[in-house]
Amino acid sequence: QVQLVESGGGLVQAGGSLGLSCAASVTISRLKSMGWYRQAPGSDERQLVAVIIGDSIVRYADSVKGRFTMSGDNAKSTMYLKMTNLKPEDTAVYYCDAVQLIASRNNEYWGQGTQVTVSS
């Protein structure tokens, strides 16, 4: 079982910056992948924002490329999402996600979510 706790959401004006953190209960290098997803107001779908696969492969959604940066600190078992030049359409609940491979089976875990609101 992997527990994930997000922090760092809040309210910011368009063009501003925010940083999110996701603390994991296991060493993040032991995870198959970690990612950030977001669910916009009124939407039932969680969309991928960014994902780290293994130790170094980072992929971003086209909508955040060049504005968001995902990184991890293995010593702190924490993953970060630095968000800059925020836009109102970035408003969403942001969720941390982790996949752990155990006995050839992918086990997926989610954090509780943190609200990010960008005002125009």
C-alpha atoms as a PDB file:
ATOM      1  CA  GLN A   1       0.000   0.000   0.000  1.00  0.00           C
ATOM      2  CA  VAL A   2       1.329   3.420  -0.983  1.00  0.00           C
ATOM      3  CA  GLN A   3       0.001   6.566   0.635  1.00  0.00           C
ATOM      4  CA  LEU A   4       0.249   9.884  -1.177  1.00  0.00           C
ATOM      5  CA  VAL A   5      -0.319  13.293   0.386  1.00  0.00           C
ATOM      6  CA  GLU A   6      -0.504  16.402  -1.781  1.00  0.00           C
ATOM      7  CA  SER A   7       0.063  19.957  -0.630  1.00  0.00           C
ATOM      8  CA  GLY A   8       0.608  23.394  -2.095  1.00  0.00           C
ATOM      9  CA  GLY A   9      -2.592  24.237  -3.907  1.00  0.00           C
ATOM     10  CA  GLY A  10      -4.280  27.598  -3.629  1.00  0.00           C
ATOM     11  CA  LEU A  11      -5.538  30.690  -5.385  1.00  0.00           C
ATOM     12  CA  VAL A  12      -3.344  32.626  -7.784  1.00  0.00           C
ATOM     13  CA  GLN A  13      -3.842  35.244 -10.467  1.00  0.00           C
ATOM     14  CA  ALA A  14      -3.316  34.435 -14.111  1.00  0.00           C
ATOM     15  CA  GLY A  15       0.358  34.611 -14.982  1.00  0.00           C
ATOM     16  CA  GLY A  16       1.371  33.611 -11.478  1.00  0.00           C
ATOM     17  CA  SER A  17       3.113  30.517 -10.168  1.00  0.00           C
ATOM     18  CA  LEU A  18       2.381  27.726  -7.711  1.00  0.00           C
ATOM     19  CA  GLY A  19       4.210  24.651  -6.545  1.00  0.00           C
ATOM     20  CA  LEU A  20       2.637  21.350  -5.597  1.00  0.00           C
ATOM     21  CA  SER A  21       4.198  18.570  -3.553  1.00  0.00           C
ATOM     22  CA  CYS A  22       3.305  14.910  -3.232  1.00  0.00           C
ATOM     23  CA  ALA A  23       4.823  13.006  -0.334  1.00  0.00           C
ATOM     24  CA  ALA A  24       4.878   9.245  -0.769  1.00  0.00           C
ATOM     25  CA  SER A  25       5.036   6.628   1.971  1.00  0.00           C
ATOM     26  CA  VAL A  26       7.647   4.658   0.007  1.00  0.00           C
ATOM     27  CA  THR A  27      10.905   5.546  -1.689  1.00  0.00           C
ATOM     28  CA  ILE A  28       9.812   6.945  -5.021  1.00  0.00           C
ATOM     29  CA  SER A  29      12.573   5.140  -6.908  1.00  0.00           C
ATOM     30  CA  ARG A  30      10.730   1.923  -6.054  1.00  0.00           C
ATOM     31  CA  LEU A  31       7.694   3.084  -8.005  1.00  0.00           C
ATOM     32  CA  LYS A  32       7.109   2.299 -11.643  1.00  0.00           C
ATOM     33  CA  SER A  33       5.803   5.780 -12.290  1.00  0.00           C
ATOM     34  CA  MET A  34       4.469   8.864 -10.570  1.00  0.00           C
ATOM     35  CA  GLY A  35       2.261  11.454 -12.112  1.00  0.00           C
ATOM     36  CA  TRP A  36       0.047  14.471 -11.713  1.00  0.00           C
ATOM     37  CA  TYR A  37      -3.496  14.510 -13.003  1.00  0.00           C
ATOM     38  CA  ARG A  38      -6.160  17.163 -12.810  1.00  0.00           C
ATOM     39  CA  GLN A  39      -9.921  17.263 -12.845  1.00  0.00           C
ATOM     40  CA  ALA A  40     -11.479  20.482 -14.049  1.00  0.00           C
ATOM     41  CA  PRO A  41     -14.715  21.867 -12.585  1.00  0.00           C
ATOM     42  CA  GLY A  42     -17.745  20.101 -14.012  1.00  0.00           C
ATOM     43  CA  SER A  43     -15.655  17.339 -15.566  1.00  0.00           C
ATOM     44  CA  ASP A  44     -15.759  13.668 -14.593  1.00  0.00           C
ATOM     45  CA  GLU A  45     -12.408  12.983 -16.181  1.00  0.00           C
ATOM     46  CA  ARG A  46      -8.951  13.196 -14.676  1.00  0.00           C
ATOM     47  CA  GLN A  47      -6.494  14.319 -17.308  1.00  0.00           C
ATOM     48  CA  LEU A  48      -2.789  13.655 -17.295  1.00  0.00           C
ATOM     49  CA  VAL A  49      -0.652  16.697 -16.545  1.00  0.00           C
ATOM     50  CA  ALA A  50       2.795  15.143 -16.223  1.00  0.00           C
ATOM     51  CA  VAL A  51       4.324  11.770 -15.449  1.00  0.00           C
ATOM     52  CA  ILE A  52       7.754  10.459 -14.483  1.00  0.00           C
ATOM     53  CA  ILE A  53       8.420   6.933 -15.710  1.00  0.00           C
ATOM     54  CA  GLY A  54      11.217   5.187 -13.901  1.00  0.00           C
ATOM     55  CA  ASP A  55      13.828   7.643 -12.721  1.00  0.00           C
ATOM     56  CA  SER A  56      14.068  10.082 -15.540  1.00  0.00           C
ATOM     57  CA  ILE A  57      11.522   9.984 -18.340  1.00  0.00           C
ATOM     58  CA  VAL A  58       9.148  12.902 -17.920  1.00  0.00           C
ATOM     59  CA  ARG A  59       6.182  13.488 -20.186  1.00  0.00           C
ATOM     60  CA  TYR A  60       3.878  16.480 -20.172  1.00  0.00           C
ATOM     61  CA  ALA A  61       0.456  17.222 -21.566  1.00  0.00           C
ATOM     62  CA  ASP A  62       0.705  19.582 -24.537  1.00  0.00           C
ATOM     63  CA  SER A  63      -1.322  22.186 -22.667  1.00  0.00           C
ATOM     64  CA  VAL A  64       1.327  22.554 -19.946  1.00  0.00           C
ATOM     65  CA  LYS A  65       4.568  22.067 -21.873  1.00  0.00           C
ATOM     66  CA  GLY A  66       6.976  24.893 -21.244  1.00  0.00           C
ATOM     67  CA  ARG A  67       5.000  26.082 -18.209  1.00  0.00           C
ATOM     68  CA  PHE A  68       5.008  23.137 -15.784  1.00  0.00           C
ATOM     69  CA  THR A  69       8.015  21.217 -14.499  1.00  0.00           C
ATOM     70  CA  MET A  70       7.833  17.920 -12.677  1.00  0.00           C
ATOM     71  CA  SER A  71      10.659  16.673 -10.484  1.00  0.00           C
ATOM     72  CA  GLY A  72      11.311  14.240  -7.698  1.00  0.00           C
ATOM     73  CA  ASP A  73      13.472  14.038  -4.596  1.00  0.00           C
ATOM     74  CA  ASN A  74      14.125  10.401  -3.755  1.00  0.00           C
ATOM     75  CA  ALA A  75      15.667  11.221  -0.390  1.00  0.00           C
ATOM     76  CA  LYS A  76      12.467  12.976   0.667  1.00  0.00           C
ATOM     77  CA  SER A  77      10.154  10.537  -1.119  1.00  0.00           C
ATOM     78  CA  THR A  78       8.494  13.574  -2.610  1.00  0.00           C
ATOM     79  CA  MET A  79       7.442  14.576  -6.086  1.00  0.00           C
ATOM     80  CA  TYR A  80       6.965  18.168  -7.144  1.00  0.00           C
ATOM     81  CA  LEU A  81       5.083  20.078  -9.792  1.00  0.00           C
ATOM     82  CA  LYS A  82       6.223  23.622 -10.438  1.00  0.00           C
ATOM     83  CA  MET A  83       3.598  25.574 -12.326  1.00  0.00           C
ATOM     84  CA  THR A  84       4.354  28.913 -13.957  1.00  0.00           C
ATOM     85  CA  ASN A  85       2.436  31.304 -16.210  1.00  0.00           C
ATOM     86  CA  LEU A  86      -0.785  29.835 -14.884  1.00  0.00           C
ATOM     87  CA  LYS A  87      -3.977  30.300 -16.867  1.00  0.00           C
ATOM     88  CA  PRO A  88      -7.607  30.225 -15.753  1.00  0.00           C
ATOM     89  CA  GLU A  89      -8.024  26.956 -17.649  1.00  0.00           C
ATOM     90  CA  ASP A  90      -5.478  25.390 -15.290  1.00  0.00           C
ATOM     91  CA  THR A  91      -8.088  25.632 -12.544  1.00  0.00           C
ATOM     92  CA  ALA A  92      -8.741  22.111 -11.291  1.00  0.00           C
ATOM     93  CA  VAL A  93      -8.246  19.666  -8.479  1.00  0.00           C
ATOM     94  CA  TYR A  94      -4.765  18.234  -8.906  1.00  0.00           C
ATOM     95  CA  TYR A  95      -4.136  14.622  -7.942  1.00  0.00           C
ATOM     96  CA  CYS A  96      -0.910  12.777  -7.346  1.00  0.00           C
ATOM     97  CA  ASP A  97      -0.763   9.267  -8.775  1.00  0.00           C
ATOM     98  CA  ALA A  98       1.681   6.424  -8.250  1.00  0.00           C
ATOM     99  CA  VAL A  99       1.999   3.006  -9.855  1.00  0.00           C
ATOM    100  CA  GLN A 100       3.833   0.243  -8.046  1.00  0.00           C
ATOM    101  CA  LEU A 101       4.702  -2.997  -9.775  1.00  0.00           C
ATOM    102  CA  ILE A 102       4.269  -5.978  -7.468  1.00  0.00           C
ATOM    103  CA  ALA A 103       4.401  -9.574  -8.707  1.00  0.00           C
ATOM    104  CA  SER A 104       3.882  -8.455 -12.324  1.00  0.00           C
ATOM    105  CA  ARG A 105       0.788  -6.506 -11.368  1.00  0.00           C
ATOM    106  CA  ASN A 106       0.430  -2.732 -11.518  1.00  0.00           C
ATOM    107  CA  ASN A 107      -1.084  -1.294  -8.366  1.00  0.00           C
ATOM    108  CA  GLU A 108      -2.238   2.301  -8.682  1.00  0.00           C
ATOM    109  CA  TYR A 109      -2.664   4.759  -5.836  1.00  0.00           C
ATOM    110  CA  TRP A 110      -4.075   8.277  -5.630  1.00  0.00           C
ATOM    111  CA  GLY A 111      -3.686  11.186  -3.282  1.00  0.00           C
ATOM    112  CA  GLN A 112      -6.627  13.098  -1.893  1.00  0.00           C
ATOM    113  CA  GLY A 113      -6.246  16.016  -4.317  1.00  0.00           C
ATOM    114  CA  THR A 114      -5.442  19.679  -3.891  1.00  0.00           C
ATOM    115  CA  GLN A 115      -7.373  22.594  -5.367  1.00  0.00           C
ATOM    116  CA  VAL A 116      -5.685  25.035  -7.728  1.00  0.00           C
ATOM    117  CA  THR A 117      -7.688  28.091  -8.711  1.00  0.00           C
ATOM    118  CA  VAL A 118      -6.406  30.622 -11.242  1.00  0.00           C
ATOM    119  CA  SER A 119      -8.297  33.896 -11.446  1.00  0.00           C
ATOM    120  CA  SER A 120      -8.358  36.019 -14.576  1.00  0.00           C
END
